[in-house]
Amino acid sequence: MLIRIRYFASVRELMGTGATSIELPDGSTVADAFAVLANGNDRARTAFAHCLPMVNQDYVSTDHLLADGDELALIPPVSGGSPPLYRITEDPIDTAEVERFVAEPGAGAVVTFVGTVRNVARGRSVIRLDYEAYAPAAEKMLERIGDEMFEFWEVSQIAIVHRTGSLAVGEASVAIAVSSPHRAAAFDACRHAIERIKEIVPIWKKEWYEGGSVWIGSEADYQHEAAAESTA
């Protein structure tokens, strides 16, 4: 399928053109288009990470499915600065990209938290984790958490990315980066974010072990324990 691309301002200068077209396979997303357009160029990848995508003049997420004839516009930050990044994704998390997103000259500290899949939980060997999310609502809750962070601490920029799907041991499930003029605020805000994610963001985790699995959460744990007792 043929996708029309529009660039503006700093991104137009970086790419050397205001418009182009690319061919993509059916089923491609905005993120797929970004990857093709960047073509391994780190400067372009960083610039795209700060852009808001528009398809046919409507803002969309990076997992938006493209259709033949769509116009994809990359909207760089306006004069008010780059908006925070709140993303639910099925793609592996590029933790370096998340950290780069919040870096800025006025930041005296950048704190990054990366949650990874561990190989032991609840005294059992973990094979993998499955994450499921109500993605649109989850991103809204991530934005609410970000608003809290801006309200409670002097932070400059925030990026929160959470992955869904099946993750192997050692893979990153969540990355949070916070920049601030002062390290204490960055540390405190980052800790607040991960604790609040566990409380209000509609993301569910299923742990897989040798010989069984369980959804993590009070009700799921209770049902799992009851089932174990009934078979004892």
Protein backbone atom coordinates (compact mmCIF):
# COMPACT_ATOMS: atom_id res chain seq x y z
CA MET A 1 0.00 0.00 0.00
CA LEU A 2 1.12 3.56 -0.71
CA ILE A 3 1.36 6.02 2.23
CA ARG A 4 1.91 9.75 1.78
CA ILE A 5 4.27 11.33 4.33
CA ARG A 6 4.33 14.97 5.46
CA TYR A 7 7.16 16.60 7.43
CA PHE A 8 7.19 20.02 9.10
CA ALA A 9 9.61 22.49 10.72
CA SER A 10 12.71 20.86 12.28
CA VAL A 11 11.81 17.39 10.99
CA ARG A 12 11.38 18.75 7.46
CA GLU A 13 14.88 20.23 7.65
CA LEU A 14 16.29 17.00 9.08
CA MET A 15 14.73 14.85 6.35
CA GLY A 16 15.51 17.34 3.57
CA THR A 17 11.95 17.34 2.21
CA GLY A 18 8.43 18.32 3.17
CA ALA A 19 6.70 15.36 1.59
CA THR A 20 7.37 11.88 0.28
CA SER A 21 5.65 8.55 -0.23
CA ILE A 22 6.52 5.03 0.89
CA GLU A 23 5.28 1.53 0.09
CA LEU A 24 4.35 -0.59 3.12
CA PRO A 25 2.93 -4.11 3.46
CA ASP A 26 -0.74 -4.45 4.34
CA GLY A 27 -1.27 -4.45 8.10
CA SER A 28 1.55 -1.97 8.77
CA THR A 29 1.26 0.49 11.65
CA VAL A 30 2.48 4.03 12.22
CA ALA A 31 5.42 2.55 14.16
CA ASP A 32 6.31 0.43 11.13
CA ALA A 33 6.26 3.54 8.95
CA PHE A 34 8.51 5.36 11.41
CA ALA A 35 11.02 2.49 11.28
CA VAL A 36 11.10 2.53 7.47
CA LEU A 37 11.45 6.31 7.34
CA ALA A 38 14.25 6.39 9.93
CA ASN A 39 16.12 3.61 8.08
CA GLY A 40 18.63 3.17 10.90
CA ASN A 41 19.30 6.90 11.28
CA ASP A 42 19.56 7.55 15.05
CA ARG A 43 18.91 11.28 14.64
CA ALA A 44 15.72 10.58 12.74
CA ARG A 45 14.60 7.97 15.27
CA THR A 46 15.08 10.43 18.11
CA ALA A 47 13.24 13.15 16.23
CA PHE A 48 10.33 10.83 15.42
CA ALA A 49 10.06 9.81 19.10
CA HIS A 50 9.28 13.45 19.90
CA CYS A 51 6.68 13.76 17.14
CA LEU A 52 2.94 13.23 17.39
CA PRO A 53 1.62 11.23 14.43
CA MET A 54 -1.44 12.40 12.51
CA VAL A 55 -3.23 10.21 9.97
CA ASN A 56 -5.58 12.03 7.61
CA GLN A 57 -5.36 15.06 9.93
CA ASP A 58 -6.36 13.19 13.11
CA TYR A 59 -3.95 12.40 15.96
CA VAL A 60 -3.36 8.66 16.36
CA SER A 61 -1.15 6.32 18.40
CA THR A 62 1.89 4.57 16.96
CA ASP A 63 0.02 1.24 16.85
CA HIS A 64 -2.61 2.73 14.51
CA LEU A 65 -3.13 0.56 11.41
CA LEU A 66 -2.48 2.34 8.13
CA ALA A 67 -4.51 1.92 4.94
CA ASP A 68 -3.67 2.46 1.31
CA GLY A 69 -3.74 6.15 0.43
CA ASP A 70 -3.41 7.41 4.01
CA GLU A 71 -1.52 10.62 4.71
CA LEU A 72 0.82 10.32 7.71
CA ALA A 73 2.06 13.62 9.12
CA LEU A 74 4.87 13.80 11.69
CA ILE A 75 4.08 16.72 14.00
CA PRO A 76 7.18 17.97 15.89
CA PRO A 77 6.83 19.78 19.23
CA VAL A 78 5.16 23.16 18.97
CA SER A 79 6.46 26.25 20.76
CA GLY A 80 5.17 24.96 24.10
CA GLY A 81 7.69 22.14 24.04
CA SER A 82 7.49 18.39 23.57
CA PRO A 83 4.56 16.66 25.32
CA PRO A 84 5.35 13.81 27.74
CA LEU A 85 5.45 10.27 26.37
CA TYR A 86 2.85 7.76 27.61
CA ARG A 87 2.75 4.57 25.55
CA ILE A 88 1.43 1.02 25.66
CA THR A 89 3.20 -1.12 23.06
CA GLU A 90 3.63 -4.71 21.92
CA ASP A 91 7.14 -3.92 20.66
CA PRO A 92 10.31 -4.46 22.71
CA ILE A 93 11.11 -1.37 24.76
CA ASP A 94 14.13 0.64 23.68
CA THR A 95 15.20 1.87 27.12
CA ALA A 96 17.90 4.12 25.68
CA GLU A 97 15.28 5.83 23.51
CA VAL A 98 13.03 6.36 26.53
CA GLU A 99 15.90 7.97 28.42
CA ARG A 100 16.90 10.15 25.48
CA PHE A 101 13.32 11.41 25.23
CA VAL A 102 13.52 13.18 28.60
CA ALA A 103 17.06 14.52 28.30
CA GLU A 104 17.34 18.29 28.02
CA PRO A 105 19.94 20.96 28.83
CA GLY A 106 18.15 22.19 31.97
CA ALA A 107 18.01 18.75 33.57
CA GLY A 108 20.50 18.22 36.38
CA ALA A 109 19.28 14.64 36.82
CA VAL A 110 17.74 11.91 34.69
CA VAL A 111 16.40 8.92 36.60
CA THR A 112 15.36 5.79 34.71
CA PHE A 113 13.55 2.77 36.10
CA VAL A 114 13.34 -0.41 34.04
CA GLY A 115 11.16 -3.29 35.23
CA THR A 116 12.28 -6.67 33.89
CA VAL A 117 10.92 -10.20 33.95
CA ARG A 118 12.61 -12.18 36.72
CA ASN A 119 13.03 -15.95 36.71
CA VAL A 120 11.56 -16.62 40.17
CA ALA A 121 8.29 -15.39 41.69
CA ARG A 122 6.27 -16.65 44.67
CA GLY A 123 8.89 -19.33 45.20
CA ARG A 124 8.41 -20.82 41.73
CA SER A 125 10.52 -20.77 38.57
CA VAL A 126 9.04 -18.40 36.00
CA ILE A 127 9.16 -19.33 32.32
CA ARG A 128 7.59 -16.16 30.91
CA LEU A 129 5.03 -13.43 31.61
CA ASP A 130 2.01 -12.41 29.57
CA TYR A 131 0.83 -8.80 29.85
CA GLU A 132 -2.62 -7.69 28.73
CA ALA A 133 -3.86 -4.10 28.74
CA TYR A 134 -6.92 -2.05 27.96
CA ALA A 135 -4.57 0.12 25.95
CA PRO A 136 -6.55 3.37 25.39
CA ALA A 137 -7.60 3.53 29.05
CA ALA A 138 -4.12 2.51 30.21
CA GLU A 139 -2.50 5.37 28.31
CA LYS A 140 -5.02 7.80 29.84
CA MET A 141 -4.09 6.51 33.31
CA LEU A 142 -0.39 6.89 32.52
CA GLU A 143 -1.14 10.48 31.57
CA ARG A 144 -2.96 10.97 34.91
CA ILE A 145 0.10 9.64 36.73
CA GLY A 146 2.28 12.04 34.75
CA ASP A 147 0.03 14.94 35.72
CA GLU A 148 0.48 13.94 39.38
CA MET A 149 4.24 13.88 38.95
CA PHE A 150 4.28 17.37 37.42
CA GLU A 151 2.03 18.61 40.23
CA PHE A 152 3.94 17.13 43.18
CA TRP A 153 7.56 17.54 42.02
CA GLU A 154 9.66 19.91 39.95
CA VAL A 155 10.20 17.64 36.96
CA SER A 156 11.09 18.71 33.44
CA GLN A 157 10.00 15.79 31.29
CA ILE A 158 8.47 12.32 31.67
CA ALA A 159 8.37 9.17 29.54
CA ILE A 160 6.48 6.01 30.56
CA VAL A 161 6.34 2.99 28.23
CA HIS A 162 4.72 -0.33 29.18
CA ARG A 163 4.87 -3.45 27.08
CA THR A 164 2.15 -6.02 26.44
CA GLY A 165 2.22 -9.53 25.03
CA SER A 166 4.48 -12.45 25.91
CA LEU A 167 7.82 -11.54 27.55
CA ALA A 168 10.75 -13.82 28.23
CA VAL A 169 12.89 -13.73 31.36
CA GLY A 170 15.16 -10.67 31.27
CA GLU A 171 13.01 -8.60 28.92
CA ALA A 172 11.85 -5.12 29.93
CA SER A 173 8.16 -4.84 30.79
CA VAL A 174 8.13 -1.15 31.73
CA ALA A 175 10.47 1.82 31.42
CA ILE A 176 10.05 5.13 33.23
CA ALA A 177 12.35 8.08 32.69
CA VAL A 178 12.15 11.40 34.53
CA SER A 179 14.31 14.48 34.11
CA SER A 180 14.49 17.26 36.68
CA PRO A 181 16.77 20.09 37.71
CA HIS A 182 17.35 18.16 40.98
CA ARG A 183 17.95 14.46 41.64
CA ALA A 184 15.64 14.12 44.67
CA ALA A 185 12.58 15.16 42.68
CA ALA A 186 13.49 12.81 39.82
CA PHE A 187 13.92 9.84 42.18
CA ASP A 188 10.69 10.54 44.06
CA ALA A 189 8.63 11.07 40.92
CA CYS A 190 9.97 7.90 39.33
CA ARG A 191 9.08 5.85 42.43
CA HIS A 192 5.60 7.40 42.49
CA ALA A 193 5.05 6.40 38.86
CA ILE A 194 5.77 2.68 39.30
CA GLU A 195 3.67 2.44 42.46
CA ARG A 196 0.72 4.21 40.84
CA ILE A 197 0.96 2.02 37.73
CA LYS A 198 0.31 -0.99 39.96
CA GLU A 199 -2.70 0.76 41.51
CA ILE A 200 -4.69 2.34 38.69
CA VAL A 201 -3.47 1.32 35.22
CA PRO A 202 -5.55 -1.47 33.59
CA ILE A 203 -2.67 -3.83 32.86
CA TRP A 204 -2.82 -7.49 33.89
CA LYS A 205 0.02 -9.95 34.30
CA LYS A 206 -0.05 -13.73 33.91
CA GLU A 207 2.88 -15.68 35.29
CA TRP A 208 3.79 -18.94 33.59
CA TYR A 209 5.64 -21.62 35.54
CA GLU A 210 6.62 -25.18 34.83
CA GLY A 211 3.31 -27.00 35.18
CA GLY A 212 0.94 -24.06 35.52
CA SER A 213 0.11 -20.35 35.34
CA VAL A 214 -1.85 -17.71 37.25
CA TRP A 215 -3.15 -14.19 36.69
CA ILE A 216 -1.64 -11.87 39.28
CA GLY A 217 -4.10 -9.89 41.40
CA SER A 218 -6.04 -10.47 44.59
CA GLU A 219 -9.03 -12.18 43.00
CA ALA A 220 -6.95 -14.28 40.62
CA ASP A 221 -4.63 -15.35 43.44
CA TYR A 222 -7.59 -16.29 45.64
CA GLN A 223 -9.12 -18.38 42.87
CA HIS A 224 -5.77 -20.04 42.19
CA GLU A 225 -5.26 -20.89 45.85
CA ALA A 226 -8.82 -22.23 46.15
CA ALA A 227 -8.28 -24.40 43.10
CA ALA A 228 -5.03 -25.72 44.56
CA GLU A 229 -6.75 -26.58 47.85
CA SER A 230 -9.57 -28.40 46.06
CA THR A 231 -7.09 -30.67 44.29
CA ALA A 232 -4.95 -31.31 47.35
